[in-house]
Protein backbone atom coordinates (compact mmCIF):
# COMPACT_ATOMS: atom_id res chain seq x y z
CA UNK A 1 18.24 6.75 12.50
CA UNK A 2 17.41 4.15 9.88
CA UNK A 3 19.82 1.25 9.61
CA UNK A 4 18.92 -0.48 6.35
CA UNK A 5 21.32 -3.36 7.02
CA UNK A 6 19.69 -4.06 10.36
CA UNK A 7 16.25 -3.86 8.74
CA UNK A 8 17.31 -6.30 6.03
CA UNK A 9 18.37 -8.75 8.75
CA UNK A 10 15.00 -8.25 10.45
CA UNK A 11 13.21 -8.96 7.18
CA UNK A 12 15.10 -12.23 6.87
CA UNK A 13 14.27 -13.22 10.44
CA UNK A 14 10.59 -12.41 9.88
CA UNK A 15 10.62 -14.35 6.61
CA UNK A 16 12.12 -17.37 8.35
CA UNK A 17 9.39 -17.24 11.01
CA UNK A 18 6.76 -17.03 8.29
CA UNK A 19 8.19 -19.95 6.32
CA UNK A 20 8.36 -22.14 9.42
CA UNK A 21 4.75 -21.37 10.30
CA UNK A 22 3.43 -21.86 6.77
CA UNK A 23 5.30 -25.14 6.38
CA UNK A 24 3.13 -26.55 9.19
CA UNK A 25 -0.05 -26.00 7.13
CA UNK A 26 -1.54 -28.30 4.52
CA UNK A 27 -3.11 -27.74 1.13
CA UNK A 28 -6.60 -27.42 2.57
CA UNK A 29 -5.50 -24.70 5.01
CA UNK A 30 -4.09 -22.63 2.16
CA UNK A 31 -7.52 -22.49 0.51
CA UNK A 32 -9.28 -21.32 3.68
CA UNK A 33 -10.14 -17.69 4.39
CA UNK A 34 -7.53 -15.36 5.79
CA UNK A 35 -8.39 -12.41 8.02
CA UNK A 36 -8.39 -10.11 4.98
CA UNK A 37 -11.85 -9.80 3.43
CA UNK A 38 -12.15 -11.72 0.17
CA UNK A 39 -8.70 -13.28 0.40
CA UNK A 40 -7.76 -16.85 1.18
CA UNK A 41 -4.46 -17.65 2.82
CA UNK A 42 -3.25 -18.45 -0.68
CA UNK A 43 -3.98 -14.87 -1.72
CA UNK A 44 -1.92 -13.55 1.20
CA UNK A 45 1.01 -15.85 0.39
CA UNK A 46 0.87 -14.95 -3.30
CA UNK A 47 0.81 -11.25 -2.44
CA UNK A 48 3.85 -11.61 -0.18
CA UNK A 49 5.87 -13.33 -2.90
CA UNK A 50 4.90 -10.82 -5.58
CA UNK A 51 5.56 -7.90 -3.21
CA UNK A 52 9.12 -9.14 -2.71
CA UNK A 53 9.64 -9.11 -6.47
CA UNK A 54 7.98 -5.69 -6.73
CA UNK A 55 10.44 -4.25 -4.22
CA UNK A 56 13.33 -5.77 -6.18
CA UNK A 57 11.98 -3.73 -9.09
CA UNK A 58 12.07 -0.65 -6.86
CA UNK A 59 15.68 -1.32 -5.87
CA UNK A 60 16.65 -1.73 -9.52
CA UNK A 61 14.86 1.38 -10.82
CA UNK A 62 11.90 -0.27 -12.52
CA UNK A 63 8.19 0.38 -11.85
CA UNK A 64 7.06 -1.49 -8.75
CA UNK A 65 4.21 -3.12 -10.70
CA UNK A 66 3.36 -2.95 -14.40
CA UNK A 67 -0.11 -1.78 -13.33
CA UNK A 68 -2.56 -2.26 -10.48
CA UNK A 69 -4.52 -4.59 -12.74
CA UNK A 70 -1.45 -6.73 -13.39
CA UNK A 71 -0.68 -6.84 -9.66
CA UNK A 72 -4.18 -8.05 -8.84
CA UNK A 73 -4.16 -10.57 -11.70
CA UNK A 74 -0.86 -12.06 -10.51
CA UNK A 75 -2.25 -12.57 -7.01
CA UNK A 76 -5.43 -14.19 -8.34
CA UNK A 77 -3.36 -16.43 -10.61
CA UNK A 78 -1.05 -17.60 -7.85
CA UNK A 79 -3.49 -17.90 -4.94
CA UNK A 80 -4.83 -21.42 -5.74
CA UNK A 81 -1.40 -23.07 -5.86
CA UNK A 82 -0.44 -25.95 -3.60
CA UNK A 83 1.39 -25.39 -0.33
CA UNK A 84 4.74 -26.61 -1.63
CA UNK A 85 4.61 -24.22 -4.57
CA UNK A 86 3.74 -21.31 -2.29
CA UNK A 87 6.62 -22.18 0.02
CA UNK A 88 9.11 -22.41 -2.83
CA UNK A 89 7.91 -19.08 -4.22
CA UNK A 90 8.17 -17.39 -0.83
CA UNK A 91 11.72 -18.70 -0.35
CA UNK A 92 12.89 -17.80 -3.85
CA UNK A 93 11.30 -14.35 -3.95
CA UNK A 94 12.62 -13.66 -0.45
CA UNK A 95 16.10 -14.59 -1.61
CA UNK A 96 15.79 -12.29 -4.63
CA UNK A 97 14.85 -9.45 -2.27
CA UNK A 98 17.76 -10.29 0.06
CA UNK A 99 20.22 -10.33 -2.85
CA UNK A 100 18.93 -7.04 -4.24
CA UNK A 101 19.23 -5.47 -0.80
CA UNK A 102 22.81 -6.73 -0.42
CA UNK A 103 23.98 -5.14 -3.67
CA UNK A 104 26.08 -1.94 -3.41
CA UNK A 105 23.75 1.03 -3.70
CA UNK A 106 23.15 4.66 -2.83
CA UNK A 107 20.75 4.19 0.05
CA UNK A 108 20.00 7.92 0.23
CA UNK A 109 18.48 7.96 -3.26
CA UNK A 110 14.76 8.50 -3.82
CA UNK A 111 12.81 5.54 -5.18
CA UNK A 112 9.36 5.29 -6.72
CA UNK A 113 6.70 3.10 -5.11
CA UNK A 114 3.01 2.62 -6.03
CA UNK A 115 0.49 5.36 -6.71
CA UNK A 116 3.10 8.08 -7.10
CA UNK A 117 4.55 7.57 -3.62
CA UNK A 118 8.27 8.14 -3.26
CA UNK A 119 10.62 7.32 -0.41
CA UNK A 120 14.30 6.95 0.36
CA UNK A 121 15.82 3.64 -0.60
CA UNK A 122 16.95 3.08 2.98
CA UNK A 123 13.31 2.82 4.09
CA UNK A 124 12.40 0.06 1.64
CA UNK A 125 13.63 -2.78 3.88
CA UNK A 126 11.36 -1.58 6.68
CA UNK A 127 8.45 -1.46 4.24
CA UNK A 128 9.12 -5.10 3.37
CA UNK A 129 9.36 -5.95 7.06
CA UNK A 130 5.89 -4.45 7.52
CA UNK A 131 4.50 -6.64 4.75
CA UNK A 132 5.94 -9.85 6.15
CA UNK A 133 4.99 -9.25 9.78
CA UNK A 134 1.45 -7.93 9.34
CA UNK A 135 0.48 -10.41 6.65
CA UNK A 136 1.81 -13.23 8.83
CA UNK A 137 -0.79 -12.05 11.36
CA UNK A 138 -3.41 -11.83 8.59
CA UNK A 139 -3.00 -15.54 7.84
CA UNK A 140 -4.74 -16.34 11.13
CA UNK A 141 -2.48 -19.27 11.99
CA UNK A 142 -1.48 -18.40 15.54
CA UNK A 143 0.84 -15.40 15.05
CA UNK A 144 -0.80 -12.34 16.60
CA UNK A 145 -0.04 -8.65 16.94
CA UNK A 146 1.16 -9.38 20.47
CA UNK A 147 3.82 -11.69 18.99
CA UNK A 148 5.43 -9.00 16.85
CA UNK A 149 8.92 -7.82 17.87
CA UNK A 150 8.46 -4.82 20.20
CA UNK A 151 10.83 -2.62 18.19
CA UNK A 152 8.82 -3.37 15.05
CA UNK A 153 5.52 -2.52 16.75
CA UNK A 154 6.83 0.83 17.98
CA UNK A 155 8.25 1.76 14.60
CA UNK A 156 5.07 0.77 12.78
CA UNK A 157 2.93 2.84 15.12
CA UNK A 158 5.28 5.76 14.41
CA UNK A 159 5.01 5.08 10.66
CA UNK A 160 1.20 4.98 10.71
CA UNK A 161 0.89 7.99 13.02
CA UNK A 162 2.99 9.96 10.53
CA UNK A 163 0.83 8.70 7.67
CA UNK A 164 -2.35 10.07 9.26
CA UNK A 165 -0.73 13.30 10.48
CA UNK A 166 -2.51 16.29 8.96
CA UNK A 167 -5.12 14.06 7.30
CA UNK A 168 -8.25 16.10 6.51
CA UNK A 169 -10.57 13.42 7.91
CA UNK A 170 -8.77 12.77 11.21
CA UNK A 171 -9.05 15.07 14.25
CA UNK A 172 -6.05 15.96 16.36
CA UNK A 173 -5.25 12.75 18.21
CA UNK A 174 -2.71 11.85 20.89
CA UNK A 175 -1.70 8.20 21.08
CA UNK A 176 -0.24 6.66 24.21
CA UNK A 177 0.78 3.19 25.28
CA UNK A 178 0.33 1.90 28.81
CA UNK A 179 4.09 2.15 29.35
CA UNK A 180 4.23 5.82 28.43
CA UNK A 181 5.23 6.00 24.77
CA UNK A 182 3.39 8.77 22.91
CA UNK A 183 2.66 9.94 19.36
CA UNK A 184 0.43 12.56 17.73
CA UNK A 185 -1.52 12.22 14.52
CA UNK A 186 -4.42 13.75 12.61
CA UNK A 187 -5.03 17.43 13.11
CA UNK A 188 -7.02 18.72 10.14
CA UNK A 189 -10.60 17.67 10.89
CA UNK A 190 -12.43 19.88 13.36
CA UNK A 191 -12.49 18.48 16.87
CA UNK A 192 -10.03 17.05 19.29
CA UNK A 193 -7.66 16.78 20.83
CA UNK A 194 -8.69 13.18 21.39
CA UNK A 195 -6.48 10.94 23.54
CA UNK A 196 -6.34 7.25 22.62
CA UNK A 197 -4.54 4.96 25.07
CA UNK A 198 -3.90 1.24 25.23
CA UNK A 199 -1.46 -1.59 24.73
CA UNK A 200 0.92 -1.17 21.81
CA UNK A 201 -0.57 -4.20 20.02
CA UNK A 202 -4.08 -2.74 20.27
CA UNK A 203 -2.93 0.68 19.05
CA UNK A 204 -1.19 -0.94 16.10
CA UNK A 205 -4.24 -3.07 15.37
CA UNK A 206 -6.48 -0.02 15.27
CA UNK A 207 -4.11 2.14 13.23
CA UNK A 208 -3.58 -0.64 10.68
CA UNK A 209 -7.27 -1.52 10.37
CA UNK A 210 -6.83 -4.93 11.98
CA UNK A 211 -8.72 -4.21 15.22
CA UNK A 212 -11.76 -2.06 15.92
CA UNK A 213 -10.25 -0.17 18.82
CA UNK A 214 -12.67 -1.60 21.40
CA UNK A 215 -9.77 -2.42 23.72
CA UNK A 216 -8.52 1.18 23.71
CA UNK A 217 -9.40 3.95 26.17
CA UNK A 218 -10.59 7.20 24.56
CA UNK A 219 -10.71 10.60 26.26
CA UNK A 220 -11.91 13.93 24.90
CA UNK A 221 -14.27 12.57 22.26
CA UNK A 222 -15.09 9.52 20.22
CA UNK A 223 -12.54 7.12 18.78
CA UNK A 224 -11.61 8.69 15.42
CA UNK A 225 -12.69 6.86 12.29
CA UNK A 226 -9.51 6.26 10.30
CA UNK A 227 -9.50 6.25 6.50
CA UNK A 228 -8.34 3.06 4.77
CA UNK A 229 -4.62 2.66 4.18
């Protein structure tokens, strides 16, 4: 079951970890490349702040972003800012998200996200948790997939496995961690079943496009090529 209040608390804890880590940087580090192609660390930080505000829009029944072009322009505008401005923006936007999440609401209602995607309101806090945790890793400042909370890693693997389930370009695939947790995904492309096994962090890295899957063991075929998220 989804506990949106617990997820909101997890978002706050993840945000606090992020703020502590980013506060140890300097202005030069913010301008350096992140692990995301074409983005500096400043781009990642700007995206995180604007995503918090976008999800406040979702909570309050407005479009998540005015347009994709406006979203991209906001990130480009904010990326070059100094470290102290980024930190203030992350704190303030995080607080706006926390306040919006604390407001009385019908958490079973359907909300509109980007690109026509809909979801239940109760799942929005977990979506924000994903943004904060994975983009913290993307900064490349010492926080790795292995450092993610285990319950988060398991839920995100479940989330991504469901996202690729039935995808026309992914063969039937069984996922398994070394400690015995299992998922299934894919299923429409000819071929399979393929079994992909490894540590939870490596599975998450492959499913999220952050690792190439070289650390995984594959049986029954080649490692499937996953479409971009």
